PDB file of N, CA and C in Angstrom:
ATOM      1  N   MET A   1      -7.363   5.337  21.249  1.00  0.00           N
ATOM      2  CA  MET A   1      -8.238   4.256  20.829  1.00  0.00           C
ATOM      3  C   MET A   1      -7.734   3.704  19.491  1.00  0.00           C
ATOM      4  N   THR A   2      -7.499   2.428  19.443  1.00  0.00           N
ATOM      5  CA  THR A   2      -7.012   1.822  18.211  1.00  0.00           C
ATOM      6  C   THR A   2      -8.115   1.042  17.525  1.00  0.00           C
ATOM      7  N   ALA A   3      -7.941   0.848  16.221  1.00  0.00           N
ATOM      8  CA  ALA A   3      -8.883   0.063  15.425  1.00  0.00           C
ATOM      9  C   ALA A   3      -8.085  -0.750  14.421  1.00  0.00           C
ATOM     10  N   LYS A   4      -8.739  -1.752  13.838  1.00  0.00           N
ATOM     11  CA  LYS A   4      -8.088  -2.596  12.838  1.00  0.00           C
ATOM     12  C   LYS A   4      -8.436  -2.101  11.443  1.00  0.00           C
ATOM     13  N   TYR A   5      -7.426  -2.112  10.568  1.00  0.00           N
ATOM     14  CA  TYR A   5      -7.576  -1.617   9.209  1.00  0.00           C
ATOM     15  C   TYR A   5      -6.940  -2.588   8.224  1.00  0.00           C
ATOM     16  N   GLU A   6      -7.364  -2.452   6.968  1.00  0.00           N
ATOM     17  CA  GLU A   6      -6.712  -3.153   5.873  1.00  0.00           C
ATOM     18  C   GLU A   6      -6.406  -2.122   4.795  1.00  0.00           C
ATOM     19  N   ALA A   7      -5.159  -2.092   4.347  1.00  0.00           N
ATOM     20  CA  ALA A   7      -4.744  -1.187   3.274  1.00  0.00           C
ATOM     21  C   ALA A   7      -4.402  -2.024   2.052  1.00  0.00           C
ATOM     22  N   ALA A   8      -5.109  -1.780   0.958  1.00  0.00           N
ATOM     23  CA  ALA A   8      -4.826  -2.444  -0.313  1.00  0.00           C
ATOM     24  C   ALA A   8      -4.050  -1.454  -1.167  1.00  0.00           C
ATOM     25  N   MET A   9      -2.854  -1.843  -1.574  1.00  0.00           N
ATOM     26  CA  MET A   9      -1.994  -0.947  -2.354  1.00  0.00           C
ATOM     27  C   MET A   9      -1.607  -1.603  -3.669  1.00  0.00           C
ATOM     28  N   ILE A  10      -1.568  -0.775  -4.717  1.00  0.00           N
ATOM     29  CA  ILE A  10      -1.083  -1.227  -6.015  1.00  0.00           C
ATOM     30  C   ILE A  10       0.079  -0.320  -6.389  1.00  0.00           C
ATOM     31  N   PHE A  11       1.246  -0.937  -6.595  1.00  0.00           N
ATOM     32  CA  PHE A  11       2.451  -0.202  -6.965  1.00  0.00           C
ATOM     33  C   PHE A  11       2.724  -0.365  -8.454  1.00  0.00           C
ATOM     34  N   SER A  12       3.361   0.629  -9.033  1.00  0.00           N
ATOM     35  CA  SER A  12       3.761   0.576 -10.434  1.00  0.00           C
ATOM     36  C   SER A  12       4.916  -0.409 -10.606  1.00  0.00           C
ATOM     37  N   VAL A  13       4.881  -1.161 -11.704  1.00  0.00           N
ATOM     38  CA  VAL A  13       5.983  -2.073 -12.017  1.00  0.00           C
ATOM     39  C   VAL A  13       6.865  -1.503 -13.126  1.00  0.00           C
ATOM     40  N   ALA A  14       6.558  -0.284 -13.578  1.00  0.00           N
ATOM     41  CA  ALA A  14       7.297   0.330 -14.681  1.00  0.00           C
ATOM     42  C   ALA A  14       8.735   0.682 -14.305  1.00  0.00           C
ATOM     43  N   ASN A  15       8.999   0.929 -13.042  1.00  0.00           N
ATOM     44  CA  ASN A  15      10.339   1.327 -12.595  1.00  0.00           C
ATOM     45  C   ASN A  15      11.224   0.152 -12.227  1.00  0.00           C
ATOM     46  N   GLY A  16      10.723  -1.054 -12.373  1.00  0.00           N
ATOM     47  CA  GLY A  16      11.525  -2.236 -12.077  1.00  0.00           C
ATOM     48  C   GLY A  16      11.170  -2.869 -10.748  1.00  0.00           C
ATOM     49  N   GLU A  17      11.624  -4.094 -10.589  1.00  0.00           N
ATOM     50  CA  GLU A  17      11.303  -4.877  -9.394  1.00  0.00           C
ATOM     51  C   GLU A  17      11.922  -4.287  -8.135  1.00  0.00           C
ATOM     52  N   GLU A  18      13.132  -3.760  -8.252  1.00  0.00           N
ATOM     53  CA  GLU A  18      13.818  -3.204  -7.087  1.00  0.00           C
ATOM     54  C   GLU A  18      13.066  -2.000  -6.522  1.00  0.00           C
ATOM     55  N   ALA A  19      12.570  -1.123  -7.399  1.00  0.00           N
ATOM     56  CA  ALA A  19      11.813   0.053  -6.959  1.00  0.00           C
ATOM     57  C   ALA A  19      10.490  -0.360  -6.328  1.00  0.00           C
ATOM     58  N   THR A  20       9.856  -1.370  -6.886  1.00  0.00           N
ATOM     59  CA  THR A  20       8.585  -1.865  -6.350  1.00  0.00           C
ATOM     60  C   THR A  20       8.770  -2.440  -4.951  1.00  0.00           C
ATOM     61  N   LEU A  21       9.804  -3.244  -4.771  1.00  0.00           N
ATOM     62  CA  LEU A  21      10.073  -3.819  -3.451  1.00  0.00           C
ATOM     63  C   LEU A  21      10.483  -2.735  -2.449  1.00  0.00           C
ATOM     64  N   GLY A  22      11.140  -1.694  -2.945  1.00  0.00           N
ATOM     65  CA  GLY A  22      11.490  -0.561  -2.091  1.00  0.00           C
ATOM     66  C   GLY A  22      10.253   0.164  -1.577  1.00  0.00           C
ATOM     67  N   LEU A  23       9.251   0.329  -2.446  1.00  0.00           N
ATOM     68  CA  LEU A  23       7.994   0.950  -2.027  1.00  0.00           C
ATOM     69  C   LEU A  23       7.276   0.089  -0.990  1.00  0.00           C
ATOM     70  N   LYS A  24       7.276  -1.207  -1.223  1.00  0.00           N
ATOM     71  CA  LYS A  24       6.634  -2.120  -0.270  1.00  0.00           C
ATOM     72  C   LYS A  24       7.302  -2.002   1.095  1.00  0.00           C
ATOM     73  N   GLU A  25       8.615  -1.984   1.112  1.00  0.00           N
ATOM     74  CA  GLU A  25       9.368  -1.873   2.361  1.00  0.00           C
ATOM     75  C   GLU A  25       9.115  -0.518   3.036  1.00  0.00           C
ATOM     76  N   LYS A  26       9.039   0.547   2.243  1.00  0.00           N
ATOM     77  CA  LYS A  26       8.793   1.887   2.784  1.00  0.00           C
ATOM     78  C   LYS A  26       7.459   1.939   3.519  1.00  0.00           C
ATOM     79  N   PHE A  27       6.404   1.428   2.880  1.00  0.00           N
ATOM     80  CA  PHE A  27       5.094   1.476   3.509  1.00  0.00           C
ATOM     81  C   PHE A  27       4.982   0.471   4.657  1.00  0.00           C
ATOM     82  N   ASN A  28       5.665  -0.640   4.566  1.00  0.00           N
ATOM     83  CA  ASN A  28       5.709  -1.595   5.669  1.00  0.00           C
ATOM     84  C   ASN A  28       6.320  -0.936   6.905  1.00  0.00           C
ATOM     85  N   ASP A  29       7.430  -0.228   6.717  1.00  0.00           N
ATOM     86  CA  ASP A  29       8.091   0.452   7.833  1.00  0.00           C
ATOM     87  C   ASP A  29       7.225   1.582   8.394  1.00  0.00           C
ATOM     88  N   LEU A  30       6.549   2.325   7.505  1.00  0.00           N
ATOM     89  CA  LEU A  30       5.688   3.428   7.934  1.00  0.00           C
ATOM     90  C   LEU A  30       4.529   2.915   8.789  1.00  0.00           C
ATOM     91  N   ILE A  31       3.901   1.843   8.344  1.00  0.00           N
ATOM     92  CA  ILE A  31       2.781   1.280   9.102  1.00  0.00           C
ATOM     93  C   ILE A  31       3.276   0.702  10.429  1.00  0.00           C
ATOM     94  N   ALA A  32       4.413   0.016  10.415  1.00  0.00           N
ATOM     95  CA  ALA A  32       4.965  -0.568  11.645  1.00  0.00           C
ATOM     96  C   ALA A  32       5.337   0.513  12.659  1.00  0.00           C
ATOM     97  N   LYS A  33       5.792   1.671  12.175  1.00  0.00           N
ATOM     98  CA  LYS A  33       6.171   2.765  13.058  1.00  0.00           C
ATOM     99  C   LYS A  33       4.951   3.400  13.730  1.00  0.00           C
ATOM    100  N   ASN A  34       3.821   3.397  13.027  1.00  0.00           N
ATOM    101  CA  ASN A  34       2.618   4.063  13.530  1.00  0.00           C
ATOM    102  C   ASN A  34       1.533   3.113  14.038  1.00  0.00           C
ATOM    103  N   GLY A  35       1.801   1.840  14.025  1.00  0.00           N
ATOM    104  CA  GLY A  35       0.804   0.871  14.482  1.00  0.00           C
ATOM    105  C   GLY A  35       1.426  -0.509  14.595  1.00  0.00           C
ATOM    106  N   THR A  36       0.573  -1.512  14.602  1.00  0.00           N
ATOM    107  CA  THR A  36       1.014  -2.894  14.707  1.00  0.00           C
ATOM    108  C   THR A  36       0.549  -3.652  13.475  1.00  0.00           C
ATOM    109  N   ILE A  37       1.503  -4.209  12.728  1.00  0.00           N
ATOM    110  CA  ILE A  37       1.162  -4.982  11.537  1.00  0.00           C
ATOM    111  C   ILE A  37       0.785  -6.395  11.968  1.00  0.00           C
ATOM    112  N   GLU A  38      -0.396  -6.836  11.542  1.00  0.00           N
ATOM    113  CA  GLU A  38      -0.845  -8.180  11.851  1.00  0.00           C
ATOM    114  C   GLU A  38      -0.491  -9.160  10.741  1.00  0.00           C
ATOM    115  N   ASN A  39      -0.594  -8.685   9.480  1.00  0.00           N
ATOM    116  CA  ASN A  39      -0.345  -9.572   8.348  1.00  0.00           C
ATOM    117  C   ASN A  39      -0.040  -8.730   7.110  1.00  0.00           C
ATOM    118  N   VAL A  40       0.870  -9.233   6.277  1.00  0.00           N
ATOM    119  CA  VAL A  40       1.147  -8.625   4.975  1.00  0.00           C
ATOM    120  C   VAL A  40       0.902  -9.706   3.929  1.00  0.00           C
ATOM    121  N   ASP A  41      -0.077  -9.456   3.073  1.00  0.00           N
ATOM    122  CA  ASP A  41      -0.434 -10.409   2.028  1.00  0.00           C
ATOM    123  C   ASP A  41       0.095  -9.873   0.698  1.00  0.00           C
ATOM    124  N   ASP A  42       1.152 -10.477   0.210  1.00  0.00           N
ATOM    125  CA  ASP A  42       1.829 -10.031  -1.002  1.00  0.00           C
ATOM    126  C   ASP A  42       1.328 -10.847  -2.194  1.00  0.00           C
ATOM    127  N   TRP A  43       0.505 -10.229  -3.033  1.00  0.00           N
ATOM    128  CA  TRP A  43      -0.031 -10.919  -4.206  1.00  0.00           C
ATOM    129  C   TRP A  43       0.920 -10.867  -5.382  1.00  0.00           C
ATOM    130  N   GLY A  44       1.848  -9.933  -5.387  1.00  0.00           N
ATOM    131  CA  GLY A  44       2.809  -9.820  -6.473  1.00  0.00           C
ATOM    132  C   GLY A  44       2.243  -9.112  -7.689  1.00  0.00           C
ATOM    133  N   LYS A  45       2.886  -9.345  -8.820  1.00  0.00           N
ATOM    134  CA  LYS A  45       2.526  -8.656 -10.067  1.00  0.00           C
ATOM    135  C   LYS A  45       1.287  -9.309 -10.682  1.00  0.00           C
ATOM    136  N   ARG A  46       0.298  -8.466 -10.995  1.00  0.00           N
ATOM    137  CA  ARG A  46      -0.950  -8.928 -11.596  1.00  0.00           C
ATOM    138  C   ARG A  46      -1.386  -7.961 -12.696  1.00  0.00           C
ATOM    139  N   ARG A  47      -2.190  -8.470 -13.581  1.00  0.00           N
ATOM    140  CA  ARG A  47      -2.774  -7.647 -14.640  1.00  0.00           C
ATOM    141  C   ARG A  47      -3.908  -6.816 -14.039  1.00  0.00           C
ATOM    142  N   LEU A  48      -3.942  -5.533 -14.377  1.00  0.00           N
ATOM    143  CA  LEU A  48      -4.988  -4.641 -13.887  1.00  0.00           C
ATOM    144  C   LEU A  48      -6.263  -4.826 -14.706  1.00  0.00           C
ATOM    145  N   ALA A  49      -7.406  -4.567 -14.108  1.00  0.00           N
ATOM    146  CA  ALA A  49      -8.685  -4.684 -14.802  1.00  0.00           C
ATOM    147  C   ALA A  49      -8.829  -3.602 -15.870  1.00  0.00           C
ATOM    148  N   TYR A  50      -8.192  -2.463 -15.643  1.00  0.00           N
ATOM    149  CA  TYR A  50      -8.199  -1.364 -16.603  1.00  0.00           C
ATOM    150  C   TYR A  50      -6.892  -0.595 -16.456  1.00  0.00           C
ATOM    151  N   LEU A  51      -6.543   0.187 -17.456  1.00  0.00           N
ATOM    152  CA  LEU A  51      -5.285   0.933 -17.424  1.00  0.00           C
ATOM    153  C   LEU A  51      -5.327   2.007 -16.338  1.00  0.00           C
ATOM    154  N   ILE A  52      -4.269   2.098 -15.584  1.00  0.00           N
ATOM    155  CA  ILE A  52      -4.076   3.164 -14.606  1.00  0.00           C
ATOM    156  C   ILE A  52      -2.779   3.858 -14.989  1.00  0.00           C
ATOM    157  N   ASN A  53      -2.849   5.127 -15.332  1.00  0.00           N
ATOM    158  CA  ASN A  53      -1.673   5.887 -15.785  1.00  0.00           C
ATOM    159  C   ASN A  53      -0.970   5.164 -16.939  1.00  0.00           C
ATOM    160  N   ASP A  54      -1.741   4.637 -17.859  1.00  0.00           N
ATOM    161  CA  ASP A  54      -1.241   3.915 -19.035  1.00  0.00           C
ATOM    162  C   ASP A  54      -0.447   2.655 -18.680  1.00  0.00           C
ATOM    163  N   GLU A  55      -0.687   2.081 -17.532  1.00  0.00           N
ATOM    164  CA  GLU A  55      -0.019   0.844 -17.127  1.00  0.00           C
ATOM    165  C   GLU A  55      -1.044  -0.284 -17.057  1.00  0.00           C
ATOM    166  N   ALA A  56      -0.667  -1.445 -17.552  1.00  0.00           N
ATOM    167  CA  ALA A  56      -1.573  -2.595 -17.591  1.00  0.00           C
ATOM    168  C   ALA A  56      -1.319  -3.586 -16.460  1.00  0.00           C
ATOM    169  N   GLU A  57      -0.180  -3.446 -15.758  1.00  0.00           N
ATOM    170  CA  GLU A  57       0.154  -4.353 -14.663  1.00  0.00           C
ATOM    171  C   GLU A  57       0.492  -3.555 -13.411  1.00  0.00           C
ATOM    172  N   GLY A  58       0.246  -4.174 -12.269  1.00  0.00           N
ATOM    173  CA  GLY A  58       0.565  -3.561 -10.996  1.00  0.00           C
ATOM    174  C   GLY A  58       0.996  -4.605  -9.998  1.00  0.00           C
ATOM    175  N   TYR A  59       1.640  -4.169  -8.934  1.00  0.00           N
ATOM    176  CA  TYR A  59       2.119  -5.054  -7.870  1.00  0.00           C
ATOM    177  C   TYR A  59       1.206  -4.843  -6.664  1.00  0.00           C
ATOM    178  N   TYR A  60       0.469  -5.889  -6.292  1.00  0.00           N
ATOM    179  CA  TYR A  60      -0.536  -5.805  -5.234  1.00  0.00           C
ATOM    180  C   TYR A  60       0.033  -6.229  -3.881  1.00  0.00           C
ATOM    181  N   VAL A  61      -0.248  -5.414  -2.852  1.00  0.00           N
ATOM    182  CA  VAL A  61       0.138  -5.740  -1.479  1.00  0.00           C
ATOM    183  C   VAL A  61      -1.007  -5.318  -0.562  1.00  0.00           C
ATOM    184  N   PHE A  62      -1.361  -6.200   0.376  1.00  0.00           N
ATOM    185  CA  PHE A  62      -2.400  -5.913   1.356  1.00  0.00           C
ATOM    186  C   PHE A  62      -1.789  -5.935   2.745  1.00  0.00           C
ATOM    187  N   PHE A  63      -1.980  -4.839   3.485  1.00  0.00           N
ATOM    188  CA  PHE A  63      -1.472  -4.733   4.848  1.00  0.00           C
ATOM    189  C   PHE A  63      -2.652  -4.774   5.817  1.00  0.00           C
ATOM    190  N   ASN A  64      -2.645  -5.700   6.760  1.00  0.00           N
ATOM    191  CA  ASN A  64      -3.618  -5.723   7.858  1.00  0.00           C
ATOM    192  C   ASN A  64      -2.896  -5.196   9.083  1.00  0.00           C
ATOM    193  N   PHE A  65      -3.455  -4.125   9.675  1.00  0.00           N
ATOM    194  CA  PHE A  65      -2.758  -3.493  10.798  1.00  0.00           C
ATOM    195  C   PHE A  65      -3.751  -2.896  11.785  1.00  0.00           C
ATOM    196  N   GLU A  66      -3.219  -2.561  12.947  1.00  0.00           N
ATOM    197  CA  GLU A  66      -3.987  -1.898  13.987  1.00  0.00           C
ATOM    198  C   GLU A  66      -3.275  -0.595  14.310  1.00  0.00           C
ATOM    199  N   SER A  67      -4.042   0.507  14.342  1.00  0.00           N
ATOM    200  CA  SER A  67      -3.425   1.803  14.618  1.00  0.00           C
ATOM    201  C   SER A  67      -4.451   2.769  15.191  1.00  0.00           C
ATOM    202  N   GLU A  68      -3.964   3.948  15.533  1.00  0.00           N
ATOM    203  CA  GLU A  68      -4.851   5.024  15.966  1.00  0.00           C
ATOM    204  C   GLU A  68      -5.727   5.461  14.789  1.00  0.00           C
ATOM    205  N   ALA A  69      -6.844   6.069  15.081  1.00  0.00           N
ATOM    206  CA  ALA A  69      -7.811   6.454  14.046  1.00  0.00           C
ATOM    207  C   ALA A  69      -7.286   7.538  13.106  1.00  0.00           C
ATOM    208  N   THR A  70      -6.286   8.299  13.509  1.00  0.00           N
ATOM    209  CA  THR A  70      -5.764   9.374  12.673  1.00  0.00           C
ATOM    210  C   THR A  70      -4.744   8.901  11.644  1.00  0.00           C
ATOM    211  N   PHE A  71      -4.168   7.716  11.840  1.00  0.00           N
ATOM    212  CA  PHE A  71      -3.098   7.256  10.950  1.00  0.00           C
ATOM    213  C   PHE A  71      -3.541   6.938   9.518  1.00  0.00           C
ATOM    214  N   PRO A  72      -4.692   6.313   9.273  1.00  0.00           N
ATOM    215  CA  PRO A  72      -5.067   6.019   7.878  1.00  0.00           C
ATOM    216  C   PRO A  72      -5.112   7.249   6.967  1.00  0.00           C
ATOM    217  N   ALA A  73      -5.538   8.384   7.489  1.00  0.00           N
ATOM    218  CA  ALA A  73      -5.544   9.623   6.688  1.00  0.00           C
ATOM    219  C   ALA A  73      -4.120  10.039   6.334  1.00  0.00           C
ATOM    220  N   GLU A  74      -3.205   9.884   7.275  1.00  0.00           N
ATOM    221  CA  GLU A  74      -1.797  10.208   7.018  1.00  0.00           C
ATOM    222  C   GLU A  74      -1.198   9.234   6.011  1.00  0.00           C
ATOM    223  N   LEU A  75      -1.548   7.967   6.099  1.00  0.00           N
ATOM    224  CA  LEU A  75      -1.086   6.957   5.150  1.00  0.00           C
ATOM    225  C   LEU A  75      -1.559   7.302   3.738  1.00  0.00           C
ATOM    226  N   GLU A  76      -2.812   7.697   3.594  1.00  0.00           N
ATOM    227  CA  GLU A  76      -3.344   8.091   2.290  1.00  0.00           C
ATOM    228  C   GLU A  76      -2.631   9.327   1.761  1.00  0.00           C
ATOM    229  N   ARG A  77      -2.352  10.291   2.631  1.00  0.00           N
ATOM    230  CA  ARG A  77      -1.654  11.513   2.214  1.00  0.00           C
ATOM    231  C   ARG A  77      -0.266  11.188   1.679  1.00  0.00           C
ATOM    232  N   ILE A  78       0.461  10.336   2.381  1.00  0.00           N
ATOM    233  CA  ILE A  78       1.816   9.976   1.962  1.00  0.00           C
ATOM    234  C   ILE A  78       1.775   9.182   0.657  1.00  0.00           C
ATOM    235  N   ALA A  79       0.799   8.293   0.519  1.00  0.00           N
ATOM    236  CA  ALA A  79       0.684   7.494  -0.710  1.00  0.00           C
ATOM    237  C   ALA A  79       0.385   8.375  -1.922  1.00  0.00           C
ATOM    238  N   LYS A  80      -0.418   9.414  -1.736  1.00  0.00           N
ATOM    239  CA  LYS A  80      -0.759  10.298  -2.855  1.00  0.00           C
ATOM    240  C   LYS A  80       0.446  11.073  -3.381  1.00  0.00           C
ATOM    241  N   ILE A  81       1.404  11.370  -2.529  1.00  0.00           N
ATOM    242  CA  ILE A  81       2.557  12.155  -2.964  1.00  0.00           C
ATOM    243  C   ILE A  81       3.774  11.288  -3.286  1.00  0.00           C
ATOM    244  N   THR A  82       3.620   9.970  -3.206  1.00  0.00           N
ATOM    245  CA  THR A  82       4.724   9.057  -3.478  1.00  0.00           C
ATOM    246  C   THR A  82       4.641   8.548  -4.916  1.00  0.00           C
ATOM    247  N   ASP A  83       5.706   8.761  -5.665  1.00  0.00           N
ATOM    248  CA  ASP A  83       5.761   8.238  -7.032  1.00  0.00           C
ATOM    249  C   ASP A  83       5.797   6.723  -6.998  1.00  0.00           C
ATOM    250  N   GLY A  84       5.057   6.103  -7.898  1.00  0.00           N
ATOM    251  CA  GLY A  84       5.052   4.656  -7.982  1.00  0.00           C
ATOM    252  C   GLY A  84       3.849   4.005  -7.326  1.00  0.00           C
ATOM    253  N   VAL A  85       3.049   4.765  -6.591  1.00  0.00           N
ATOM    254  CA  VAL A  85       1.829   4.223  -5.992  1.00  0.00           C
ATOM    255  C   VAL A  85       0.684   4.515  -6.952  1.00  0.00           C
ATOM    256  N   LEU A  86       0.101   3.460  -7.508  1.00  0.00           N
ATOM    257  CA  LEU A  86      -1.003   3.637  -8.448  1.00  0.00           C
ATOM    258  C   LEU A  86      -2.334   3.825  -7.715  1.00  0.00           C
ATOM    259  N   ARG A  87      -2.591   3.010  -6.708  1.00  0.00           N
ATOM    260  CA  ARG A  87      -3.845   3.074  -5.964  1.00  0.00           C
ATOM    261  C   ARG A  87      -3.617   2.664  -4.510  1.00  0.00           C
ATOM    262  N   LEU A  88      -4.442   3.249  -3.633  1.00  0.00           N
ATOM    263  CA  LEU A  88      -4.465   2.872  -2.223  1.00  0.00           C
ATOM    264  C   LEU A  88      -5.896   2.946  -1.742  1.00  0.00           C
ATOM    265  N   MET A  89      -6.308   1.934  -1.017  1.00  0.00           N
ATOM    266  CA  MET A  89      -7.627   1.952  -0.373  1.00  0.00           C
ATOM    267  C   MET A  89      -7.449   1.413   1.035  1.00  0.00           C
ATOM    268  N   VAL A  90      -7.893   2.197   2.012  1.00  0.00           N
ATOM    269  CA  VAL A  90      -7.812   1.775   3.411  1.00  0.00           C
ATOM    270  C   VAL A  90      -9.240   1.615   3.923  1.00  0.00           C
ATOM    271  N   ILE A  91      -9.512   0.447   4.501  1.00  0.00           N
ATOM    272  CA  ILE A  91     -10.834   0.212   5.078  1.00  0.00           C
ATOM    273  C   ILE A  91     -10.682  -0.159   6.546  1.00  0.00           C
ATOM    274  N   LYS A  92     -11.693   0.228   7.333  1.00  0.00           N
ATOM    275  CA  LYS A  92     -11.727  -0.150   8.733  1.00  0.00           C
ATOM    276  C   LYS A  92     -12.457  -1.470   8.833  1.00  0.00           C
ATOM    277  N   LYS A  93     -11.862  -2.430   9.517  1.00  0.00           N
ATOM    278  CA  LYS A  93     -12.477  -3.748   9.652  1.00  0.00           C
ATOM    279  C   LYS A  93     -13.561  -3.744  10.699  1.00  0.00           C
TER     280      LYS A  93
END
């Protein structure tokens, strides 16, 4: 049984633009491998509302996808152990 989800991710910009785009590509490939990507909304570099890990800016990306119900938990697990991911929130639409 599949469902539709939206993942809001904020990546660190401290490691440079190349590392940030690499993270975006990594998670894009991970989601595509485990589901169907409907849309990727790339907001780019923005000022954060408050400091996260002493950083004032982050790179925002929103993924709209459809996958099995077990995949969002795995996505959160991988994001937590990946350096450069400041925040992740996955919601079921």
